[in-house]
Amino acid sequence: MKQRSFLVRAIWFLFVGWWATPAVVNLAWFLNLTIIGIPLGIKLINLVPTVLTLKEPRSLANPEAAFGQRSLLVRGVYFVFVGWWLSWIWANVAAFFAVTIIGLPVALWMFNRLPVVTSLYRFDG
């Protein structure tokens, strides 16, 4: 699957991505507060780059790239001890940058790396 054009992704961001991304992040964090909701919460955080700018995960763009991910055990231990709190801070700092035109490029970069900060999930390859 190929990435969508820059124009399509920019239009998506202007009309949907800028408001949908904070909603998805907050829903994911609400789900992460419950044991039952953690799997769905993590999945939503991993989809933040797609919600933000329609960026395709590397596993869809290049299926062989999915084999380079860290093991689920390593990612789980990282999430329990580091990812849950660090990604909350990361997402809020990104949201702060997003409200300024000068900080918008940094916010986009940070939101695109949110899956790595949360659970070591490498989104792009």
PDB file of N, CA and C in Angstrom:
ATOM      1  N   MET A   1       0.837  -1.171   0.000  1.00  0.00           N
ATOM      2  CA  MET A   1       0.000   0.000   0.000  1.00  0.00           C
ATOM      3  C   MET A   1       0.892   1.247   0.000  1.00  0.00           C
ATOM      4  N   LYS A   2       0.628   2.171  -0.886  1.00  0.00           N
ATOM      5  CA  LYS A   2       1.432   3.391  -0.994  1.00  0.00           C
ATOM      6  C   LYS A   2       0.878   4.476  -0.069  1.00  0.00           C
ATOM      7  N   GLN A   3       1.775   5.400   0.295  1.00  0.00           N
ATOM      8  CA  GLN A   3       1.345   6.560   1.076  1.00  0.00           C
ATOM      9  C   GLN A   3       0.462   7.451   0.204  1.00  0.00           C
ATOM     10  N   ARG A   4      -0.471   8.101   0.819  1.00  0.00           N
ATOM     11  CA  ARG A   4      -1.289   9.072   0.091  1.00  0.00           C
ATOM     12  C   ARG A   4      -0.442  10.290  -0.233  1.00  0.00           C
ATOM     13  N   SER A   5      -0.901  11.076  -1.203  1.00  0.00           N
ATOM     14  CA  SER A   5      -0.139  12.255  -1.624  1.00  0.00           C
ATOM     15  C   SER A   5      -0.078  13.291  -0.500  1.00  0.00           C
ATOM     16  N   PHE A   6       0.906  14.158  -0.588  1.00  0.00           N
ATOM     17  CA  PHE A   6       1.070  15.219   0.397  1.00  0.00           C
ATOM     18  C   PHE A   6      -0.171  16.103   0.450  1.00  0.00           C
ATOM     19  N   LEU A   7      -0.748  16.403  -0.702  1.00  0.00           N
ATOM     20  CA  LEU A   7      -1.931  17.260  -0.758  1.00  0.00           C
ATOM     21  C   LEU A   7      -3.111  16.626  -0.023  1.00  0.00           C
ATOM     22  N   VAL A   8      -3.363  15.350  -0.247  1.00  0.00           N
ATOM     23  CA  VAL A   8      -4.463  14.655   0.424  1.00  0.00           C
ATOM     24  C   VAL A   8      -4.222  14.630   1.931  1.00  0.00           C
ATOM     25  N   ARG A   9      -2.990  14.334   2.333  1.00  0.00           N
ATOM     26  CA  ARG A   9      -2.670  14.284   3.760  1.00  0.00           C
ATOM     27  C   ARG A   9      -2.779  15.658   4.408  1.00  0.00           C
ATOM     28  N   ALA A  10      -2.394  16.715   3.696  1.00  0.00           N
ATOM     29  CA  ALA A  10      -2.503  18.077   4.236  1.00  0.00           C
ATOM     30  C   ALA A  10      -3.968  18.483   4.387  1.00  0.00           C
ATOM     31  N   ILE A  11      -4.783  18.163   3.403  1.00  0.00           N
ATOM     32  CA  ILE A  11      -6.217  18.487   3.481  1.00  0.00           C
ATOM     33  C   ILE A  11      -6.860  17.726   4.640  1.00  0.00           C
ATOM     34  N   TRP A  12      -6.509  16.433   4.773  1.00  0.00           N
ATOM     35  CA  TRP A  12      -7.026  15.651   5.893  1.00  0.00           C
ATOM     36  C   TRP A  12      -6.660  16.316   7.211  1.00  0.00           C
ATOM     37  N   PHE A  13      -5.382  16.698   7.370  1.00  0.00           N
ATOM     38  CA  PHE A  13      -4.934  17.325   8.615  1.00  0.00           C
ATOM     39  C   PHE A  13      -5.736  18.591   8.898  1.00  0.00           C
ATOM     40  N   LEU A  14      -5.929  19.441   7.887  1.00  0.00           N
ATOM     41  CA  LEU A  14      -6.626  20.714   8.089  1.00  0.00           C
ATOM     42  C   LEU A  14      -8.090  20.543   8.476  1.00  0.00           C
ATOM     43  N   PHE A  15      -8.747  19.520   7.921  1.00  0.00           N
ATOM     44  CA  PHE A  15     -10.175  19.359   8.175  1.00  0.00           C
ATOM     45  C   PHE A  15     -10.520  18.324   9.250  1.00  0.00           C
ATOM     46  N   VAL A  16      -9.652  17.341   9.476  1.00  0.00           N
ATOM     47  CA  VAL A  16      -9.981  16.268  10.413  1.00  0.00           C
ATOM     48  C   VAL A  16      -8.862  16.024  11.433  1.00  0.00           C
ATOM     49  N   GLY A  17      -7.643  15.866  10.968  1.00  0.00           N
ATOM     50  CA  GLY A  17      -6.541  15.415  11.822  1.00  0.00           C
ATOM     51  C   GLY A  17      -6.281  16.271  13.040  1.00  0.00           C
ATOM     52  N   TRP A  18      -6.367  17.581  12.900  1.00  0.00           N
ATOM     53  CA  TRP A  18      -6.014  18.476  14.014  1.00  0.00           C
ATOM     54  C   TRP A  18      -6.964  18.328  15.192  1.00  0.00           C
ATOM     55  N   TRP A  19      -8.242  18.034  14.960  1.00  0.00           N
ATOM     56  CA  TRP A  19      -9.179  17.890  16.078  1.00  0.00           C
ATOM     57  C   TRP A  19      -9.388  16.418  16.463  1.00  0.00           C
ATOM     58  N   ALA A  20      -9.250  15.504  15.507  1.00  0.00           N
ATOM     59  CA  ALA A  20      -9.483  14.088  15.807  1.00  0.00           C
ATOM     60  C   ALA A  20      -8.333  13.468  16.612  1.00  0.00           C
ATOM     61  N   THR A  21      -7.117  13.935  16.391  1.00  0.00           N
ATOM     62  CA  THR A  21      -5.968  13.360  17.087  1.00  0.00           C
ATOM     63  C   THR A  21      -6.064  13.539  18.602  1.00  0.00           C
ATOM     64  N   PRO A  22      -6.335  14.747  19.122  1.00  0.00           N
ATOM     65  CA  PRO A  22      -6.482  14.851  20.585  1.00  0.00           C
ATOM     66  C   PRO A  22      -7.633  14.000  21.126  1.00  0.00           C
ATOM     67  N   ALA A  23      -8.709  13.863  20.360  1.00  0.00           N
ATOM     68  CA  ALA A  23      -9.825  13.021  20.801  1.00  0.00           C
ATOM     69  C   ALA A  23      -9.395  11.559  20.900  1.00  0.00           C
ATOM     70  N   VAL A  24      -8.651  11.078  19.910  1.00  0.00           N
ATOM     71  CA  VAL A  24      -8.167   9.693  19.926  1.00  0.00           C
ATOM     72  C   VAL A  24      -7.179   9.481  21.067  1.00  0.00           C
ATOM     73  N   VAL A  25      -6.272  10.435  21.283  1.00  0.00           N
ATOM     74  CA  VAL A  25      -5.286  10.314  22.371  1.00  0.00           C
ATOM     75  C   VAL A  25      -5.995  10.269  23.724  1.00  0.00           C
ATOM     76  N   ASN A  26      -6.979  11.136  23.928  1.00  0.00           N
ATOM     77  CA  ASN A  26      -7.701  11.137  25.211  1.00  0.00           C
ATOM     78  C   ASN A  26      -8.520   9.867  25.409  1.00  0.00           C
ATOM     79  N   LEU A  27      -9.154   9.375  24.353  1.00  0.00           N
ATOM     80  CA  LEU A  27      -9.886   8.115  24.447  1.00  0.00           C
ATOM     81  C   LEU A  27      -8.924   6.970  24.770  1.00  0.00           C
ATOM     82  N   ALA A  28      -7.764   6.965  24.121  1.00  0.00           N
ATOM     83  CA  ALA A  28      -6.767   5.925  24.381  1.00  0.00           C
ATOM     84  C   ALA A  28      -6.307   5.971  25.837  1.00  0.00           C
ATOM     85  N   TRP A  29      -6.080   7.168  26.360  1.00  0.00           N
ATOM     86  CA  TRP A  29      -5.645   7.273  27.752  1.00  0.00           C
ATOM     87  C   TRP A  29      -6.740   6.845  28.713  1.00  0.00           C
ATOM     88  N   PHE A  30      -7.987   7.151  28.402  1.00  0.00           N
ATOM     89  CA  PHE A  30      -9.083   6.670  29.234  1.00  0.00           C
ATOM     90  C   PHE A  30      -9.108   5.143  29.243  1.00  0.00           C
ATOM     91  N   LEU A  31      -8.957   4.529  28.064  1.00  0.00           N
ATOM     92  CA  LEU A  31      -8.938   3.064  27.979  1.00  0.00           C
ATOM     93  C   LEU A  31      -7.737   2.468  28.707  1.00  0.00           C
ATOM     94  N   ASN A  32      -6.602   3.165  28.680  1.00  0.00           N
ATOM     95  CA  ASN A  32      -5.397   2.672  29.348  1.00  0.00           C
ATOM     96  C   ASN A  32      -5.515   2.696  30.872  1.00  0.00           C
ATOM     97  N   LEU A  33      -6.500   3.423  31.394  1.00  0.00           N
ATOM     98  CA  LEU A  33      -6.712   3.444  32.838  1.00  0.00           C
ATOM     99  C   LEU A  33      -7.325   2.151  33.348  1.00  0.00           C
ATOM    100  N   THR A  34      -7.918   1.387  32.435  1.00  0.00           N
ATOM    101  CA  THR A  34      -8.540   0.127  32.824  1.00  0.00           C
ATOM    102  C   THR A  34      -7.705  -1.029  32.287  1.00  0.00           C
ATOM    103  N   ILE A  35      -7.668  -2.107  33.018  1.00  0.00           N
ATOM    104  CA  ILE A  35      -6.919  -3.286  32.574  1.00  0.00           C
ATOM    105  C   ILE A  35      -7.510  -3.838  31.281  1.00  0.00           C
ATOM    106  N   ILE A  36      -8.821  -3.892  31.219  1.00  0.00           N
ATOM    107  CA  ILE A  36      -9.494  -4.455  30.041  1.00  0.00           C
ATOM    108  C   ILE A  36      -9.279  -3.580  28.806  1.00  0.00           C
ATOM    109  N   GLY A  37      -9.198  -2.260  28.992  1.00  0.00           N
ATOM    110  CA  GLY A  37      -9.086  -1.344  27.858  1.00  0.00           C
ATOM    111  C   GLY A  37      -7.690  -1.127  27.326  1.00  0.00           C
ATOM    112  N   ILE A  38      -6.660  -1.612  28.022  1.00  0.00           N
ATOM    113  CA  ILE A  38      -5.274  -1.356  27.601  1.00  0.00           C
ATOM    114  C   ILE A  38      -4.992  -1.806  26.164  1.00  0.00           C
ATOM    115  N   PRO A  39      -5.380  -3.010  25.743  1.00  0.00           N
ATOM    116  CA  PRO A  39      -5.064  -3.400  24.355  1.00  0.00           C
ATOM    117  C   PRO A  39      -5.648  -2.437  23.311  1.00  0.00           C
ATOM    118  N   LEU A  40      -6.888  -2.025  23.512  1.00  0.00           N
ATOM    119  CA  LEU A  40      -7.492  -1.083  22.576  1.00  0.00           C
ATOM    120  C   LEU A  40      -6.854   0.298  22.689  1.00  0.00           C
ATOM    121  N   GLY A  41      -6.514   0.705  23.907  1.00  0.00           N
ATOM    122  CA  GLY A  41      -5.843   1.989  24.105  1.00  0.00           C
ATOM    123  C   GLY A  41      -4.500   2.046  23.393  1.00  0.00           C
ATOM    124  N   ILE A  42      -3.723   0.976  23.508  1.00  0.00           N
ATOM    125  CA  ILE A  42      -2.421   0.904  22.820  1.00  0.00           C
ATOM    126  C   ILE A  42      -2.631   0.930  21.311  1.00  0.00           C
ATOM    127  N   LYS A  43      -3.620   0.197  20.830  1.00  0.00           N
ATOM    128  CA  LYS A  43      -3.903   0.180  19.387  1.00  0.00           C
ATOM    129  C   LYS A  43      -4.258   1.585  18.897  1.00  0.00           C
ATOM    130  N   LEU A  44      -5.056   2.309  19.662  1.00  0.00           N
ATOM    131  CA  LEU A  44      -5.410   3.679  19.273  1.00  0.00           C
ATOM    132  C   LEU A  44      -4.179   4.594  19.258  1.00  0.00           C
ATOM    133  N   ILE A  45      -3.308   4.453  20.241  1.00  0.00           N
ATOM    134  CA  ILE A  45      -2.087   5.269  20.252  1.00  0.00           C
ATOM    135  C   ILE A  45      -1.220   4.937  19.047  1.00  0.00           C
ATOM    136  N   ASN A  46      -1.153   3.659  18.677  1.00  0.00           N
ATOM    137  CA  ASN A  46      -0.375   3.277  17.501  1.00  0.00           C
ATOM    138  C   ASN A  46      -0.973   3.833  16.213  1.00  0.00           C
ATOM    139  N   LEU A  47      -2.254   4.176  16.238  1.00  0.00           N
ATOM    140  CA  LEU A  47      -2.905   4.747  15.051  1.00  0.00           C
ATOM    141  C   LEU A  47      -2.861   6.274  14.996  1.00  0.00           C
ATOM    142  N   VAL A  48      -2.266   6.921  15.990  1.00  0.00           N
ATOM    143  CA  VAL A  48      -2.226   8.387  16.020  1.00  0.00           C
ATOM    144  C   VAL A  48      -1.633   8.985  14.741  1.00  0.00           C
ATOM    145  N   PRO A  49      -0.508   8.484  14.211  1.00  0.00           N
ATOM    146  CA  PRO A  49      -0.001   9.065  12.964  1.00  0.00           C
ATOM    147  C   PRO A  49      -0.987   8.964  11.792  1.00  0.00           C
ATOM    148  N   THR A  50      -1.767   7.890  11.752  1.00  0.00           N
ATOM    149  CA  THR A  50      -2.760   7.732  10.693  1.00  0.00           C
ATOM    150  C   THR A  50      -3.908   8.715  10.885  1.00  0.00           C
ATOM    151  N   VAL A  51      -4.368   8.881  12.110  1.00  0.00           N
ATOM    152  CA  VAL A  51      -5.447   9.830  12.384  1.00  0.00           C
ATOM    153  C   VAL A  51      -4.977  11.258  12.117  1.00  0.00           C
ATOM    154  N   LEU A  52      -3.743  11.556  12.451  1.00  0.00           N
ATOM    155  CA  LEU A  52      -3.212  12.908  12.299  1.00  0.00           C
ATOM    156  C   LEU A  52      -3.078  13.305  10.840  1.00  0.00           C
ATOM    157  N   THR A  53      -2.427  12.472  10.033  1.00  0.00           N
ATOM    158  CA  THR A  53      -2.127  12.867   8.644  1.00  0.00           C
ATOM    159  C   THR A  53      -2.336  11.747   7.632  1.00  0.00           C
ATOM    160  N   LEU A  54      -3.088  10.718   7.986  1.00  0.00           N
ATOM    161  CA  LEU A  54      -3.309   9.563   7.102  1.00  0.00           C
ATOM    162  C   LEU A  54      -2.020   8.825   6.742  1.00  0.00           C
ATOM    163  N   LYS A  55      -1.010   8.925   7.594  1.00  0.00           N
ATOM    164  CA  LYS A  55       0.250   8.221   7.356  1.00  0.00           C
ATOM    165  C   LYS A  55       0.026   6.735   7.596  1.00  0.00           C
ATOM    166  N   GLU A  56       0.435   5.916   6.649  1.00  0.00           N
ATOM    167  CA  GLU A  56       0.245   4.470   6.744  1.00  0.00           C
ATOM    168  C   GLU A  56       1.333   3.843   7.616  1.00  0.00           C
ATOM    169  N   PRO A  57       0.949   2.878   8.469  1.00  0.00           N
ATOM    170  CA  PRO A  57       1.971   2.157   9.234  1.00  0.00           C
ATOM    171  C   PRO A  57       2.902   1.391   8.302  1.00  0.00           C
ATOM    172  N   ARG A  58       4.126   1.202   8.728  1.00  0.00           N
ATOM    173  CA  ARG A  58       5.099   0.514   7.888  1.00  0.00           C
ATOM    174  C   ARG A  58       4.693  -0.924   7.629  1.00  0.00           C
ATOM    175  N   SER A  59       3.941  -1.524   8.535  1.00  0.00           N
ATOM    176  CA  SER A  59       3.522  -2.907   8.323  1.00  0.00           C
ATOM    177  C   SER A  59       2.508  -3.015   7.188  1.00  0.00           C
ATOM    178  N   LEU A  60       1.792  -1.929   6.882  1.00  0.00           N
ATOM    179  CA  LEU A  60       0.879  -1.943   5.745  1.00  0.00           C
ATOM    180  C   LEU A  60       1.593  -1.548   4.457  1.00  0.00           C
ATOM    181  N   ALA A  61       2.490  -0.583   4.554  1.00  0.00           N
ATOM    182  CA  ALA A  61       3.221  -0.127   3.375  1.00  0.00           C
ATOM    183  C   ALA A  61       4.256  -1.163   2.932  1.00  0.00           C
ATOM    184  N   ASN A  62       4.856  -1.864   3.900  1.00  0.00           N
ATOM    185  CA  ASN A  62       5.885  -2.857   3.616  1.00  0.00           C
ATOM    186  C   ASN A  62       5.737  -3.990   4.637  1.00  0.00           C
ATOM    187  N   PRO A  63       4.999  -5.045   4.301  1.00  0.00           N
ATOM    188  CA  PRO A  63       4.720  -6.103   5.284  1.00  0.00           C
ATOM    189  C   PRO A  63       5.968  -6.730   5.901  1.00  0.00           C
ATOM    190  N   GLU A  64       7.077  -6.800   5.173  1.00  0.00           N
ATOM    191  CA  GLU A  64       8.300  -7.375   5.746  1.00  0.00           C
ATOM    192  C   GLU A  64       8.863  -6.504   6.861  1.00  0.00           C
ATOM    193  N   ALA A  65       8.549  -5.214   6.871  1.00  0.00           N
ATOM    194  CA  ALA A  65       9.072  -4.302   7.889  1.00  0.00           C
ATOM    195  C   ALA A  65       8.516  -4.620   9.274  1.00  0.00           C
ATOM    196  N   ALA A  66       7.355  -5.267   9.345  1.00  0.00           N
ATOM    197  CA  ALA A  66       6.756  -5.608  10.633  1.00  0.00           C
ATOM    198  C   ALA A  66       7.619  -6.603  11.404  1.00  0.00           C
ATOM    199  N   PHE A  67       8.473  -7.363  10.723  1.00  0.00           N
ATOM    200  CA  PHE A  67       9.315  -8.334  11.398  1.00  0.00           C
ATOM    201  C   PHE A  67      10.428  -7.687  12.208  1.00  0.00           C
ATOM    202  N   GLY A  68      10.690  -6.386  12.011  1.00  0.00           N
ATOM    203  CA  GLY A  68      11.743  -5.698  12.742  1.00  0.00           C
ATOM    204  C   GLY A  68      11.294  -5.120  14.073  1.00  0.00           C
ATOM    205  N   GLN A  69      10.064  -5.390  14.486  1.00  0.00           N
ATOM    206  CA  GLN A  69       9.554  -4.861  15.746  1.00  0.00           C
ATOM    207  C   GLN A  69      10.177  -5.612  16.930  1.00  0.00           C
ATOM    208  N   ARG A  70      10.249  -4.932  18.063  1.00  0.00           N
ATOM    209  CA  ARG A  70      10.692  -5.600  19.286  1.00  0.00           C
ATOM    210  C   ARG A  70       9.624  -6.598  19.724  1.00  0.00           C
ATOM    211  N   SER A  71      10.017  -7.544  20.553  1.00  0.00           N
ATOM    212  CA  SER A  71       9.063  -8.568  20.997  1.00  0.00           C
ATOM    213  C   SER A  71       7.964  -7.933  21.843  1.00  0.00           C
ATOM    214  N   LEU A  72       6.822  -8.591  21.871  1.00  0.00           N
ATOM    215  CA  LEU A  72       5.689  -8.107  22.651  1.00  0.00           C
ATOM    216  C   LEU A  72       6.032  -8.051  24.134  1.00  0.00           C
ATOM    217  N   LEU A  73       6.827  -8.983  24.621  1.00  0.00           N
ATOM    218  CA  LEU A  73       7.228  -8.982  26.027  1.00  0.00           C
ATOM    219  C   LEU A  73       8.040  -7.733  26.361  1.00  0.00           C
ATOM    220  N   VAL A  74       9.026  -7.415  25.548  1.00  0.00           N
ATOM    221  CA  VAL A  74       9.853  -6.228  25.774  1.00  0.00           C
ATOM    222  C   VAL A  74       8.993  -4.972  25.722  1.00  0.00           C
ATOM    223  N   ARG A  75       8.116  -4.904  24.722  1.00  0.00           N
ATOM    224  CA  ARG A  75       7.251  -3.734  24.586  1.00  0.00           C
ATOM    225  C   ARG A  75       6.286  -3.616  25.769  1.00  0.00           C
ATOM    226  N   GLY A  76       5.795  -4.752  26.264  1.00  0.00           N
ATOM    227  CA  GLY A  76       4.890  -4.739  27.411  1.00  0.00           C
ATOM    228  C   GLY A  76       5.569  -4.256  28.684  1.00  0.00           C
ATOM    229  N   VAL A  77       6.768  -4.768  28.939  1.00  0.00           N
ATOM    230  CA  VAL A  77       7.520  -4.339  30.126  1.00  0.00           C
ATOM    231  C   VAL A  77       7.845  -2.848  30.024  1.00  0.00           C
ATOM    232  N   TYR A  78       8.266  -2.398  28.847  1.00  0.00           N
ATOM    233  CA  TYR A  78       8.555  -0.972  28.648  1.00  0.00           C
ATOM    234  C   TYR A  78       7.313  -0.131  28.930  1.00  0.00           C
ATOM    235  N   PHE A  79       6.144  -0.552  28.409  1.00  0.00           N
ATOM    236  CA  PHE A  79       4.912   0.205  28.616  1.00  0.00           C
ATOM    237  C   PHE A  79       4.583   0.313  30.101  1.00  0.00           C
ATOM    238  N   VAL A  80       4.699  -0.789  30.838  1.00  0.00           N
ATOM    239  CA  VAL A  80       4.339  -0.795  32.258  1.00  0.00           C
ATOM    240  C   VAL A  80       5.227   0.140  33.067  1.00  0.00           C
ATOM    241  N   PHE A  81       6.534   0.155  32.781  1.00  0.00           N
ATOM    242  CA  PHE A  81       7.454   0.940  33.599  1.00  0.00           C
ATOM    243  C   PHE A  81       7.737   2.341  33.070  1.00  0.00           C
ATOM    244  N   VAL A  82       7.631   2.557  31.770  1.00  0.00           N
ATOM    245  CA  VAL A  82       8.009   3.854  31.196  1.00  0.00           C
ATOM    246  C   VAL A  82       6.940   4.426  30.269  1.00  0.00           C
ATOM    247  N   GLY A  83       6.452   3.630  29.350  1.00  0.00           N
ATOM    248  CA  GLY A  83       5.614   4.131  28.270  1.00  0.00           C
ATOM    249  C   GLY A  83       4.342   4.825  28.677  1.00  0.00           C
ATOM    250  N   TRP A  84       3.664   4.318  29.709  1.00  0.00           N
ATOM    251  CA  TRP A  84       2.364   4.889  30.068  1.00  0.00           C
ATOM    252  C   TRP A  84       2.483   6.324  30.546  1.00  0.00           C
ATOM    253  N   TRP A  85       3.513   6.661  31.326  1.00  0.00           N
ATOM    254  CA  TRP A  85       3.627   8.032  31.824  1.00  0.00           C
ATOM    255  C   TRP A  85       4.396   8.924  30.858  1.00  0.00           C
ATOM    256  N   LEU A  86       5.423   8.396  30.207  1.00  0.00           N
ATOM    257  CA  LEU A  86       6.207   9.210  29.289  1.00  0.00           C
ATOM    258  C   LEU A  86       5.383   9.622  28.068  1.00  0.00           C
ATOM    259  N   SER A  87       4.551   8.710  27.565  1.00  0.00           N
ATOM    260  CA  SER A  87       3.747   9.055  26.394  1.00  0.00           C
ATOM    261  C   SER A  87       2.672  10.078  26.724  1.00  0.00           C
ATOM    262  N   TRP A  88       2.174  10.088  27.949  1.00  0.00           N
ATOM    263  CA  TRP A  88       1.200  11.110  28.358  1.00  0.00           C
ATOM    264  C   TRP A  88       1.856  12.486  28.343  1.00  0.00           C
ATOM    265  N   ILE A  89       3.053  12.573  28.912  1.00  0.00           N
ATOM    266  CA  ILE A  89       3.794  13.849  28.888  1.00  0.00           C
ATOM    267  C   ILE A  89       4.111  14.229  27.451  1.00  0.00           C
ATOM    268  N   TRP A  90       4.596  13.274  26.651  1.00  0.00           N
ATOM    269  CA  TRP A  90       4.960  13.509  25.251  1.00  0.00           C
ATOM    270  C   TRP A  90       3.773  14.062  24.457  1.00  0.00           C
ATOM    271  N   ALA A  91       2.608  13.439  24.604  1.00  0.00           N
ATOM    272  CA  ALA A  91       1.411  13.865  23.869  1.00  0.00           C
ATOM    273  C   ALA A  91       0.961  15.258  24.285  1.00  0.00           C
ATOM    274  N   ASN A  92       1.075  15.579  25.564  1.00  0.00           N
ATOM    275  CA  ASN A  92       0.671  16.912  26.016  1.00  0.00           C
ATOM    276  C   ASN A  92       1.640  17.994  25.557  1.00  0.00           C
ATOM    277  N   VAL A  93       2.918  17.688  25.535  1.00  0.00           N
ATOM    278  CA  VAL A  93       3.889  18.647  24.995  1.00  0.00           C
ATOM    279  C   VAL A  93       3.646  18.854  23.503  1.00  0.00           C
ATOM    280  N   ALA A  94       3.363  17.770  22.787  1.00  0.00           N
ATOM    281  CA  ALA A  94       3.049  17.882  21.350  1.00  0.00           C
ATOM    282  C   ALA A  94       1.798  18.725  21.131  1.00  0.00           C
ATOM    283  N   ALA A  95       0.788  18.534  21.958  1.00  0.00           N
ATOM    284  CA  ALA A  95      -0.441  19.336  21.844  1.00  0.00           C
ATOM    285  C   ALA A  95      -0.148  20.813  22.107  1.00  0.00           C
ATOM    286  N   PHE A  96       0.732  21.097  23.054  1.00  0.00           N
ATOM    287  CA  PHE A  96       1.125  22.478  23.323  1.00  0.00           C
ATOM    288  C   PHE A  96       1.799  23.090  22.097  1.00  0.00           C
ATOM    289  N   PHE A  97       2.729  22.357  21.485  1.00  0.00           N
ATOM    290  CA  PHE A  97       3.395  22.857  20.280  1.00  0.00           C
ATOM    291  C   PHE A  97       2.414  23.046  19.122  1.00  0.00           C
ATOM    292  N   ALA A  98       1.399  22.203  19.065  1.00  0.00           N
ATOM    293  CA  ALA A  98       0.458  22.243  17.941  1.00  0.00           C
ATOM    294  C   ALA A  98      -0.382  23.518  17.908  1.00  0.00           C
ATOM    295  N   VAL A  99      -0.518  24.204  19.022  1.00  0.00           N
ATOM    296  CA  VAL A  99      -1.354  25.409  19.034  1.00  0.00           C
ATOM    297  C   VAL A  99      -0.626  26.626  18.485  1.00  0.00           C
ATOM    298  N   THR A 100       0.641  26.483  18.158  1.00  0.00           N
ATOM    299  CA  THR A 100       1.387  27.592  17.561  1.00  0.00           C
ATOM    300  C   THR A 100       1.824  27.208  16.156  1.00  0.00           C
ATOM    301  N   ILE A 101       1.855  28.169  15.282  1.00  0.00           N
ATOM    302  CA  ILE A 101       2.282  27.893  13.910  1.00  0.00           C
ATOM    303  C   ILE A 101       3.754  27.504  13.881  1.00  0.00           C
ATOM    304  N   ILE A 102       4.561  28.162  14.678  1.00  0.00           N
ATOM    305  CA  ILE A 102       5.991  27.855  14.708  1.00  0.00           C
ATOM    306  C   ILE A 102       6.234  26.450  15.259  1.00  0.00           C
ATOM    307  N   GLY A 103       5.446  26.028  16.240  1.00  0.00           N
ATOM    308  CA  GLY A 103       5.631  24.722  16.853  1.00  0.00           C
ATOM    309  C   GLY A 103       4.959  23.579  16.129  1.00  0.00           C
ATOM    310  N   LEU A 104       4.149  23.870  15.119  1.00  0.00           N
ATOM    311  CA  LEU A 104       3.398  22.825  14.430  1.00  0.00           C
ATOM    312  C   LEU A 104       4.290  21.733  13.826  1.00  0.00           C
ATOM    313  N   PRO A 105       5.397  22.051  13.163  1.00  0.00           N
ATOM    314  CA  PRO A 105       6.252  20.971  12.645  1.00  0.00           C
ATOM    315  C   PRO A 105       6.783  20.050  13.751  1.00  0.00           C
ATOM    316  N   VAL A 106       7.120  20.630  14.886  1.00  0.00           N
ATOM    317  CA  VAL A 106       7.599  19.817  16.013  1.00  0.00           C
ATOM    318  C   VAL A 106       6.462  18.946  16.540  1.00  0.00           C
ATOM    319  N   ALA A 107       5.253  19.506  16.623  1.00  0.00           N
ATOM    320  CA  ALA A 107       4.094  18.738  17.089  1.00  0.00           C
ATOM    321  C   ALA A 107       3.810  17.560  16.161  1.00  0.00           C
ATOM    322  N   LEU A 108       3.859  17.781  14.865  1.00  0.00           N
ATOM    323  CA  LEU A 108       3.636  16.688  13.913  1.00  0.00           C
ATOM    324  C   LEU A 108       4.686  15.599  14.099  1.00  0.00           C
ATOM    325  N   TRP A 109       5.938  15.993  14.244  1.00  0.00           N
ATOM    326  CA  TRP A 109       7.021  15.030  14.461  1.00  0.00           C
ATOM    327  C   TRP A 109       6.770  14.240  15.746  1.00  0.00           C
ATOM    328  N   MET A 110       6.380  14.947  16.814  1.00  0.00           N
ATOM    329  CA  MET A 110       6.163  14.274  18.101  1.00  0.00           C
ATOM    330  C   MET A 110       4.969  13.326  18.044  1.00  0.00           C
ATOM    331  N   PHE A 111       3.858  13.757  17.435  1.00  0.00           N
ATOM    332  CA  PHE A 111       2.690  12.874  17.329  1.00  0.00           C
ATOM    333  C   PHE A 111       3.008  11.642  16.479  1.00  0.00           C
ATOM    334  N   ASN A 112       3.826  11.800  15.449  1.00  0.00           N
ATOM    335  CA  ASN A 112       4.209  10.654  14.621  1.00  0.00           C
ATOM    336  C   ASN A 112       5.089   9.667  15.377  1.00  0.00           C
ATOM    337  N   ARG A 113       5.760  10.110  16.418  1.00  0.00           N
ATOM    338  CA  ARG A 113       6.615   9.217  17.216  1.00  0.00           C
ATOM    339  C   ARG A 113       5.936   8.728  18.489  1.00  0.00           C
ATOM    340  N   LEU A 114       4.693   9.094  18.714  1.00  0.00           N
ATOM    341  CA  LEU A 114       3.980   8.675  19.916  1.00  0.00           C
ATOM    342  C   LEU A 114       3.920   7.153  20.079  1.00  0.00           C
ATOM    343  N   PRO A 115       3.720   6.357  19.022  1.00  0.00           N
ATOM    344  CA  PRO A 115       3.729   4.898  19.214  1.00  0.00           C
ATOM    345  C   PRO A 115       5.057   4.367  19.758  1.00  0.00           C
ATOM    346  N   VAL A 116       6.166   4.949  19.342  1.00  0.00           N
ATOM    347  CA  VAL A 116       7.481   4.504  19.836  1.00  0.00           C
ATOM    348  C   VAL A 116       7.627   4.865  21.302  1.00  0.00           C
ATOM    349  N   VAL A 117       7.224   6.075  21.668  1.00  0.00           N
ATOM    350  CA  VAL A 117       7.346   6.521  23.052  1.00  0.00           C
ATOM    351  C   VAL A 117       6.449   5.691  23.967  1.00  0.00           C
ATOM    352  N   THR A 118       5.293   5.293  23.488  1.00  0.00           N
ATOM    353  CA  THR A 118       4.343   4.543  24.309  1.00  0.00           C
ATOM    354  C   THR A 118       4.735   3.086  24.477  1.00  0.00           C
ATOM    355  N   SER A 119       5.030   2.417  23.370  1.00  0.00           N
ATOM    356  CA  SER A 119       5.239   0.964  23.466  1.00  0.00           C
ATOM    357  C   SER A 119       6.358   0.442  22.571  1.00  0.00           C
ATOM    358  N   LEU A 120       7.267   1.317  22.158  1.00  0.00           N
ATOM    359  CA  LEU A 120       8.386   0.943  21.297  1.00  0.00           C
ATOM    360  C   LEU A 120       7.929   0.417  19.933  1.00  0.00           C
ATOM    361  N   TYR A 121       6.684   0.750  19.542  1.00  0.00           N
ATOM    362  CA  TYR A 121       6.159   0.329  18.239  1.00  0.00           C
ATOM    363  C   TYR A 121       6.705   1.272  17.175  1.00  0.00           C
ATOM    364  N   ARG A 122       7.552   0.742  16.289  1.00  0.00           N
ATOM    365  CA  ARG A 122       8.135   1.554  15.213  1.00  0.00           C
ATOM    366  C   ARG A 122       7.117   1.669  14.077  1.00  0.00           C
ATOM    367  N   PHE A 123       6.592   2.879  13.916  1.00  0.00           N
ATOM    368  CA  PHE A 123       5.520   3.121  12.942  1.00  0.00           C
ATOM    369  C   PHE A 123       6.051   3.209  11.532  1.00  0.00           C
ATOM    370  N   ASP A 124       7.162   3.927  11.315  1.00  0.00           N
ATOM    371  CA  ASP A 124       7.685   4.089   9.959  1.00  0.00           C
ATOM    372  C   ASP A 124       9.013   3.369   9.819  1.00  0.00           C
ATOM    373  N   GLY A 125       9.299   3.045   8.595  1.00  0.00           N
ATOM    374  CA  GLY A 125      10.516   2.267   8.366  1.00  0.00           C
ATOM    375  C   GLY A 125      11.476   2.904   7.450  1.00  0.00           C
TER     376      GLY A 125
END
